[in-house]
Amino acid sequence: MHSVGTVDILVIQPLVALIFGILILAIPRALNYLVAIYLIFIGIVGLWPHFAGHPLFG
């Protein structure tokens, strides 16, 4: 069972990808910025358990 403070990465990644995909279709010139933001976001979420000192799941 997840506590209130945990983030389910399996839900966040597809949601962010869907939102960014729609934005890329609407504003093609924003592709570089959206890809950069996505990669930074996924990197931070992936490294967060190591910074916080406890695992994200479990």
N, C-alpha and C. Protein backbone atom coordinates (compact mmCIF):
# COMPACT_ATOMS: atom_id res chain seq x y z
N MET A 1 0.85 -1.18 0.00
CA MET A 1 0.00 0.00 0.00
C MET A 1 0.89 1.24 0.00
N HIS A 2 0.54 2.21 -0.80
CA HIS A 2 1.32 3.44 -0.89
C HIS A 2 0.87 4.42 0.18
N SER A 3 1.83 5.11 0.75
CA SER A 3 1.47 6.16 1.69
C SER A 3 1.15 7.42 0.89
N VAL A 4 0.69 8.45 1.57
CA VAL A 4 0.27 9.68 0.92
C VAL A 4 1.44 10.36 0.21
N GLY A 5 2.64 10.27 0.75
CA GLY A 5 3.79 10.97 0.20
C GLY A 5 4.49 10.27 -0.96
N THR A 6 4.14 9.05 -1.28
CA THR A 6 4.83 8.34 -2.35
C THR A 6 4.26 8.70 -3.71
N VAL A 7 5.11 8.56 -4.72
CA VAL A 7 4.72 8.86 -6.09
C VAL A 7 4.84 7.57 -6.90
N ASP A 8 3.81 7.24 -7.63
CA ASP A 8 3.83 6.04 -8.45
C ASP A 8 4.35 6.40 -9.83
N ILE A 9 5.62 6.10 -10.09
CA ILE A 9 6.28 6.47 -11.34
C ILE A 9 5.61 5.81 -12.53
N LEU A 10 4.98 4.65 -12.32
CA LEU A 10 4.31 3.97 -13.42
C LEU A 10 3.08 4.73 -13.89
N VAL A 11 2.56 5.63 -13.08
CA VAL A 11 1.43 6.46 -13.47
C VAL A 11 1.90 7.79 -14.03
N ILE A 12 2.96 8.33 -13.47
CA ILE A 12 3.43 9.66 -13.85
C ILE A 12 4.04 9.67 -15.25
N GLN A 13 4.87 8.71 -15.59
CA GLN A 13 5.56 8.71 -16.88
C GLN A 13 4.59 8.71 -18.06
N PRO A 14 3.60 7.81 -18.12
CA PRO A 14 2.67 7.86 -19.25
C PRO A 14 1.85 9.15 -19.29
N LEU A 15 1.49 9.66 -18.12
CA LEU A 15 0.71 10.90 -18.06
C LEU A 15 1.51 12.07 -18.62
N VAL A 16 2.76 12.20 -18.20
CA VAL A 16 3.62 13.27 -18.71
C VAL A 16 3.85 13.10 -20.20
N ALA A 17 4.08 11.87 -20.65
CA ALA A 17 4.29 11.62 -22.08
C ALA A 17 3.06 12.00 -22.89
N LEU A 18 1.88 11.68 -22.40
CA LEU A 18 0.64 12.03 -23.09
C LEU A 18 0.46 13.54 -23.19
N ILE A 19 0.67 14.24 -22.09
CA ILE A 19 0.54 15.70 -22.08
C ILE A 19 1.54 16.33 -23.03
N PHE A 20 2.79 15.89 -22.98
CA PHE A 20 3.81 16.46 -23.86
C PHE A 20 3.54 16.11 -25.32
N GLY A 21 3.02 14.91 -25.59
CA GLY A 21 2.68 14.55 -26.96
C GLY A 21 1.61 15.45 -27.54
N ILE A 22 0.60 15.75 -26.74
CA ILE A 22 -0.46 16.66 -27.18
C ILE A 22 0.11 18.06 -27.41
N LEU A 23 0.97 18.52 -26.50
CA LEU A 23 1.57 19.85 -26.67
C LEU A 23 2.45 19.91 -27.91
N ILE A 24 3.17 18.83 -28.22
CA ILE A 24 4.02 18.81 -29.41
C ILE A 24 3.15 18.88 -30.67
N LEU A 25 2.01 18.21 -30.67
CA LEU A 25 1.11 18.31 -31.81
C LEU A 25 0.55 19.72 -31.96
N ALA A 26 0.25 20.36 -30.84
CA ALA A 26 -0.33 21.70 -30.87
C ALA A 26 0.73 22.76 -31.17
N ILE A 27 1.93 22.61 -30.63
CA ILE A 27 2.99 23.61 -30.77
C ILE A 27 4.28 22.88 -31.18
N PRO A 28 4.45 22.58 -32.46
CA PRO A 28 5.63 21.81 -32.88
C PRO A 28 6.97 22.49 -32.57
N ARG A 29 6.99 23.82 -32.52
CA ARG A 29 8.25 24.52 -32.23
C ARG A 29 8.72 24.29 -30.80
N ALA A 30 7.84 23.82 -29.93
CA ALA A 30 8.19 23.60 -28.53
C ALA A 30 8.84 22.23 -28.30
N LEU A 31 9.07 21.46 -29.36
CA LEU A 31 9.58 20.10 -29.23
C LEU A 31 10.86 20.03 -28.40
N ASN A 32 11.85 20.86 -28.72
CA ASN A 32 13.13 20.82 -28.00
C ASN A 32 12.94 21.08 -26.50
N TYR A 33 12.13 22.08 -26.17
CA TYR A 33 11.92 22.41 -24.76
C TYR A 33 11.17 21.30 -24.03
N LEU A 34 10.15 20.74 -24.68
CA LEU A 34 9.37 19.70 -24.04
C LEU A 34 10.18 18.43 -23.82
N VAL A 35 11.01 18.08 -24.78
CA VAL A 35 11.86 16.90 -24.61
C VAL A 35 12.86 17.13 -23.48
N ALA A 36 13.45 18.31 -23.43
CA ALA A 36 14.41 18.63 -22.37
C ALA A 36 13.74 18.59 -21.00
N ILE A 37 12.56 19.18 -20.89
CA ILE A 37 11.83 19.18 -19.62
C ILE A 37 11.48 17.75 -19.20
N TYR A 38 11.03 16.95 -20.17
CA TYR A 38 10.68 15.55 -19.88
C TYR A 38 11.88 14.78 -19.36
N LEU A 39 13.02 14.92 -20.03
CA LEU A 39 14.21 14.18 -19.61
C LEU A 39 14.69 14.62 -18.23
N ILE A 40 14.64 15.92 -17.96
CA ILE A 40 15.03 16.42 -16.63
C ILE A 40 14.07 15.88 -15.57
N PHE A 41 12.77 15.92 -15.87
CA PHE A 41 11.76 15.44 -14.92
C PHE A 41 11.95 13.96 -14.60
N ILE A 42 12.12 13.14 -15.63
CA ILE A 42 12.29 11.71 -15.43
C ILE A 42 13.59 11.42 -14.68
N GLY A 43 14.64 12.19 -14.97
CA GLY A 43 15.90 12.03 -14.25
C GLY A 43 15.77 12.34 -12.77
N ILE A 44 15.08 13.43 -12.46
CA ILE A 44 14.88 13.83 -11.05
C ILE A 44 14.03 12.79 -10.32
N VAL A 45 12.94 12.37 -10.96
CA VAL A 45 12.06 11.37 -10.32
C VAL A 45 12.81 10.05 -10.11
N GLY A 46 13.65 9.69 -11.07
CA GLY A 46 14.42 8.45 -10.94
C GLY A 46 15.49 8.50 -9.87
N LEU A 47 16.08 9.67 -9.68
CA LEU A 47 17.14 9.81 -8.69
C LEU A 47 16.62 10.21 -7.31
N TRP A 48 15.39 10.66 -7.23
CA TRP A 48 14.85 11.17 -5.96
C TRP A 48 15.00 10.19 -4.79
N PRO A 49 14.75 8.88 -4.96
CA PRO A 49 14.91 7.98 -3.83
C PRO A 49 16.34 7.98 -3.27
N HIS A 50 17.32 8.16 -4.13
CA HIS A 50 18.71 8.18 -3.67
C HIS A 50 19.02 9.45 -2.90
N PHE A 51 18.41 10.57 -3.32
CA PHE A 51 18.61 11.82 -2.61
C PHE A 51 17.87 11.84 -1.27
N ALA A 52 16.68 11.26 -1.28
CA ALA A 52 15.86 11.27 -0.07
C ALA A 52 16.33 10.23 0.95
N GLY A 53 17.11 9.24 0.52
CA GLY A 53 17.66 8.26 1.43
C GLY A 53 16.77 7.07 1.71
N HIS A 54 15.65 6.95 0.98
CA HIS A 54 14.79 5.79 1.15
C HIS A 54 14.20 5.41 -0.20
N PRO A 55 13.84 4.13 -0.35
CA PRO A 55 13.30 3.67 -1.64
C PRO A 55 11.92 4.25 -1.92
N LEU A 56 11.62 4.41 -3.20
CA LEU A 56 10.33 4.94 -3.61
C LEU A 56 9.21 3.93 -3.37
N PHE A 57 9.51 2.67 -3.56
CA PHE A 57 8.52 1.62 -3.37
C PHE A 57 8.96 0.72 -2.21
N GLY A 58 7.97 0.24 -1.49
CA GLY A 58 8.27 -0.75 -0.47
C GLY A 58 8.21 -0.31 0.89
